[in-house]
């Protein structure tokens, strides 16, 4: 699948501290952390913003990542840390 803007929600942040986002999707973690996946959000996210991602894959996955690259209209996320029970 592809990035869906409707799944991205800003949940906090102001000033120079950066923003925190949540992203919900049916896409797998490997797709989400592929460079360019979130290019459509380039004008909204900033370098260093934190994103909690929740997938509806089987089994569901939740992980925390951040905007590692934001340059030349490309957004790339770090590999992310999976949240486990």
N, C-alpha and C. Protein backbone atom coordinates (compact mmCIF):
# COMPACT_ATOMS: atom_id res chain seq x y z
N UNK A 1 0.84 -1.18 0.00
CA UNK A 1 0.00 0.00 0.00
C UNK A 1 0.88 1.24 0.00
N UNK A 2 0.27 2.38 0.22
CA UNK A 2 1.01 3.63 0.22
C UNK A 2 0.58 4.48 1.41
N UNK A 3 1.39 5.46 1.71
CA UNK A 3 1.09 6.39 2.79
C UNK A 3 -0.30 6.99 2.60
N UNK A 4 -1.07 7.03 3.67
CA UNK A 4 -2.40 7.65 3.65
C UNK A 4 -2.40 8.79 4.66
N UNK A 5 -2.53 10.01 4.17
CA UNK A 5 -2.51 11.18 5.05
C UNK A 5 -3.56 11.09 6.15
N UNK A 6 -4.67 10.45 5.87
CA UNK A 6 -5.75 10.33 6.86
C UNK A 6 -5.33 9.54 8.10
N UNK A 7 -4.25 8.76 8.00
CA UNK A 7 -3.78 7.99 9.14
C UNK A 7 -2.81 8.73 10.04
N UNK A 8 -2.39 9.94 9.64
CA UNK A 8 -1.40 10.71 10.39
C UNK A 8 -2.10 11.78 11.21
N UNK A 9 -1.83 11.78 12.52
CA UNK A 9 -2.47 12.72 13.43
C UNK A 9 -1.42 13.34 14.35
N UNK A 10 -1.35 14.66 14.36
CA UNK A 10 -0.42 15.35 15.28
C UNK A 10 -1.03 15.30 16.67
N UNK A 11 -0.26 14.81 17.63
CA UNK A 11 -0.80 14.68 18.99
C UNK A 11 -0.10 15.59 19.99
N UNK A 12 0.87 16.36 19.55
CA UNK A 12 1.51 17.29 20.48
C UNK A 12 2.71 17.98 19.89
N UNK A 13 3.19 18.95 20.66
CA UNK A 13 4.38 19.68 20.27
C UNK A 13 4.10 21.12 19.96
N UNK A 14 5.04 21.95 20.34
CA UNK A 14 4.95 23.37 20.02
C UNK A 14 6.33 24.00 20.19
N UNK A 15 6.47 25.20 19.69
CA UNK A 15 7.74 25.91 19.83
C UNK A 15 8.86 25.18 19.13
N UNK A 16 10.03 25.19 19.76
CA UNK A 16 11.22 24.57 19.17
C UNK A 16 11.37 23.10 19.54
N UNK A 17 10.42 22.57 20.32
CA UNK A 17 10.54 21.19 20.80
C UNK A 17 10.18 20.12 19.81
N UNK A 18 9.68 20.47 18.66
CA UNK A 18 9.28 19.46 17.69
C UNK A 18 7.88 18.96 17.98
N UNK A 19 7.38 18.12 17.10
CA UNK A 19 6.03 17.59 17.24
C UNK A 19 6.06 16.09 17.46
N UNK A 20 4.96 15.60 18.01
CA UNK A 20 4.74 14.17 18.20
C UNK A 20 3.52 13.80 17.37
N UNK A 21 3.62 12.69 16.65
CA UNK A 21 2.57 12.25 15.75
C UNK A 21 2.20 10.81 16.04
N UNK A 22 0.99 10.41 15.62
CA UNK A 22 0.61 9.01 15.58
C UNK A 22 0.21 8.69 14.15
N UNK A 23 0.63 7.52 13.68
CA UNK A 23 0.28 7.09 12.33
C UNK A 23 -0.30 5.70 12.41
N UNK A 24 -1.52 5.53 11.91
CA UNK A 24 -2.21 4.24 11.87
C UNK A 24 -2.35 3.81 10.43
N UNK A 25 -2.05 2.53 10.17
CA UNK A 25 -2.05 2.04 8.79
C UNK A 25 -2.18 0.52 8.75
N UNK A 26 -2.53 0.01 7.60
CA UNK A 26 -2.51 -1.43 7.37
C UNK A 26 -1.16 -1.88 6.82
N UNK A 27 -0.28 -0.93 6.52
CA UNK A 27 1.05 -1.25 5.97
C UNK A 27 1.96 -1.84 7.04
N UNK A 28 2.88 -2.67 6.61
CA UNK A 28 3.86 -3.28 7.51
C UNK A 28 4.95 -2.27 7.87
N UNK A 29 5.60 -2.51 9.00
CA UNK A 29 6.68 -1.64 9.48
C UNK A 29 7.75 -1.45 8.40
N UNK A 30 8.11 -2.51 7.70
CA UNK A 30 9.17 -2.42 6.68
C UNK A 30 8.82 -1.40 5.61
N UNK A 31 7.56 -1.31 5.24
CA UNK A 31 7.14 -0.33 4.22
C UNK A 31 7.21 1.09 4.78
N UNK A 32 6.76 1.26 6.01
CA UNK A 32 6.69 2.59 6.62
C UNK A 32 8.07 3.22 6.76
N UNK A 33 9.07 2.44 7.11
CA UNK A 33 10.41 3.00 7.32
C UNK A 33 11.23 3.05 6.03
N UNK A 34 10.61 2.75 4.90
CA UNK A 34 11.28 2.88 3.61
C UNK A 34 11.38 4.37 3.26
N UNK A 35 12.56 4.82 2.88
CA UNK A 35 12.76 6.22 2.52
C UNK A 35 11.75 6.64 1.46
N UNK A 36 11.10 7.76 1.69
CA UNK A 36 10.14 8.29 0.75
C UNK A 36 8.70 7.92 1.04
N UNK A 37 8.47 6.97 1.94
CA UNK A 37 7.10 6.53 2.23
C UNK A 37 6.22 7.70 2.65
N UNK A 38 6.72 8.60 3.47
CA UNK A 38 5.91 9.72 3.97
C UNK A 38 6.17 11.03 3.24
N UNK A 39 6.64 10.98 2.02
CA UNK A 39 6.93 12.22 1.28
C UNK A 39 5.73 13.15 1.20
N UNK A 40 4.52 12.62 1.15
CA UNK A 40 3.32 13.46 1.04
C UNK A 40 3.11 14.31 2.29
N UNK A 41 3.78 13.98 3.39
CA UNK A 41 3.68 14.75 4.64
C UNK A 41 4.86 15.71 4.80
N UNK A 42 5.66 15.88 3.75
CA UNK A 42 6.87 16.70 3.82
C UNK A 42 6.62 18.09 4.40
N UNK A 43 5.54 18.73 4.00
CA UNK A 43 5.27 20.09 4.46
C UNK A 43 4.76 20.15 5.90
N UNK A 44 4.47 19.01 6.50
CA UNK A 44 3.94 18.99 7.87
C UNK A 44 4.95 18.53 8.91
N UNK A 45 5.73 17.52 8.59
CA UNK A 45 6.67 16.98 9.57
C UNK A 45 7.99 17.73 9.52
N UNK A 46 8.72 17.67 10.62
CA UNK A 46 10.01 18.33 10.71
C UNK A 46 11.07 17.31 11.12
N UNK A 47 12.30 17.63 10.80
CA UNK A 47 13.43 16.80 11.20
C UNK A 47 13.38 16.59 12.71
N UNK A 48 13.44 15.35 13.15
CA UNK A 48 13.44 15.03 14.58
C UNK A 48 12.06 14.79 15.18
N UNK A 49 10.99 15.07 14.44
CA UNK A 49 9.66 14.78 14.97
C UNK A 49 9.55 13.29 15.30
N UNK A 50 8.85 12.99 16.39
CA UNK A 50 8.66 11.62 16.84
C UNK A 50 7.32 11.12 16.32
N UNK A 51 7.30 9.87 15.83
CA UNK A 51 6.07 9.28 15.30
C UNK A 51 5.88 7.90 15.92
N UNK A 52 4.72 7.72 16.55
CA UNK A 52 4.31 6.40 17.03
C UNK A 52 3.45 5.79 15.94
N UNK A 53 3.87 4.65 15.43
CA UNK A 53 3.15 3.99 14.35
C UNK A 53 2.44 2.75 14.87
N UNK A 54 1.21 2.56 14.44
CA UNK A 54 0.42 1.38 14.81
C UNK A 54 -0.09 0.76 13.52
N UNK A 55 0.25 -0.50 13.31
CA UNK A 55 -0.19 -1.19 12.10
C UNK A 55 -1.32 -2.15 12.43
N UNK A 56 -2.17 -2.39 11.46
CA UNK A 56 -3.24 -3.37 11.64
C UNK A 56 -2.89 -4.68 10.95
N UNK A 57 -1.60 -4.92 10.78
CA UNK A 57 -1.14 -6.17 10.18
C UNK A 57 -1.42 -7.32 11.15
N UNK A 58 -1.20 -8.54 10.72
CA UNK A 58 -1.37 -9.70 11.59
C UNK A 58 0.00 -10.29 11.87
N UNK A 59 0.50 -10.25 13.09
CA UNK A 59 -0.10 -9.57 14.24
C UNK A 59 0.12 -8.05 14.13
N UNK A 60 -0.68 -7.26 14.85
CA UNK A 60 -0.48 -5.81 14.85
C UNK A 60 0.90 -5.47 15.41
N UNK A 61 1.45 -4.37 14.96
CA UNK A 61 2.75 -3.91 15.43
C UNK A 61 2.64 -2.44 15.82
N UNK A 62 3.31 -2.08 16.90
CA UNK A 62 3.42 -0.68 17.29
C UNK A 62 4.91 -0.39 17.44
N UNK A 63 5.33 0.76 16.93
CA UNK A 63 6.73 1.13 17.08
C UNK A 63 6.87 2.65 17.11
N UNK A 64 7.97 3.08 17.69
CA UNK A 64 8.28 4.51 17.78
C UNK A 64 9.46 4.78 16.87
N UNK A 65 9.36 5.84 16.09
CA UNK A 65 10.42 6.23 15.17
C UNK A 65 10.51 7.75 15.16
N UNK A 66 11.37 8.29 14.33
CA UNK A 66 11.48 9.74 14.20
C UNK A 66 11.88 10.10 12.78
N UNK A 67 11.65 11.35 12.42
CA UNK A 67 12.02 11.83 11.08
C UNK A 67 13.54 12.02 11.07
N UNK A 68 14.21 11.12 10.35
CA UNK A 68 15.67 11.11 10.30
C UNK A 68 16.21 12.01 9.18
N UNK A 69 15.46 12.08 8.07
CA UNK A 69 15.85 12.90 6.92
C UNK A 69 14.62 13.66 6.45
N UNK A 70 14.81 14.94 6.21
CA UNK A 70 13.76 15.78 5.60
C UNK A 70 14.49 16.79 4.73
N UNK A 71 14.68 16.45 3.48
CA UNK A 71 15.43 17.30 2.56
C UNK A 71 15.02 17.00 1.13
N UNK A 72 15.02 18.03 0.30
CA UNK A 72 14.72 17.87 -1.13
C UNK A 72 13.42 17.10 -1.37
N UNK A 73 12.39 17.42 -0.58
CA UNK A 73 11.05 16.82 -0.68
C UNK A 73 11.02 15.34 -0.30
N UNK A 74 12.06 14.85 0.37
CA UNK A 74 12.11 13.45 0.79
C UNK A 74 12.03 13.38 2.32
N UNK A 75 11.16 12.50 2.79
CA UNK A 75 11.06 12.21 4.23
C UNK A 75 11.51 10.77 4.43
N UNK A 76 12.44 10.57 5.36
CA UNK A 76 12.89 9.23 5.72
C UNK A 76 12.83 9.09 7.23
N UNK A 77 12.31 7.96 7.67
CA UNK A 77 12.20 7.68 9.10
C UNK A 77 13.32 6.76 9.54
N UNK A 78 13.66 6.83 10.83
CA UNK A 78 14.63 5.90 11.42
C UNK A 78 13.97 4.52 11.48
N UNK A 79 14.77 3.49 11.71
CA UNK A 79 14.29 2.12 11.74
C UNK A 79 13.20 1.84 12.74
N UNK A 80 13.19 2.56 13.85
CA UNK A 80 12.11 2.41 14.83
C UNK A 80 12.36 1.36 15.87
N UNK A 81 11.73 1.56 17.00
CA UNK A 81 11.82 0.64 18.13
C UNK A 81 10.45 0.04 18.36
N UNK A 82 10.32 -1.29 18.20
CA UNK A 82 9.05 -1.97 18.36
C UNK A 82 8.67 -2.00 19.84
N UNK A 83 7.41 -1.72 20.10
CA UNK A 83 6.87 -1.75 21.46
C UNK A 83 6.28 -3.14 21.68
N UNK A 84 6.73 -3.83 22.71
CA UNK A 84 6.22 -5.18 22.98
C UNK A 84 5.64 -5.23 24.40
N UNK A 85 4.80 -6.23 24.60
CA UNK A 85 4.17 -6.41 25.92
C UNK A 85 5.09 -7.17 26.85
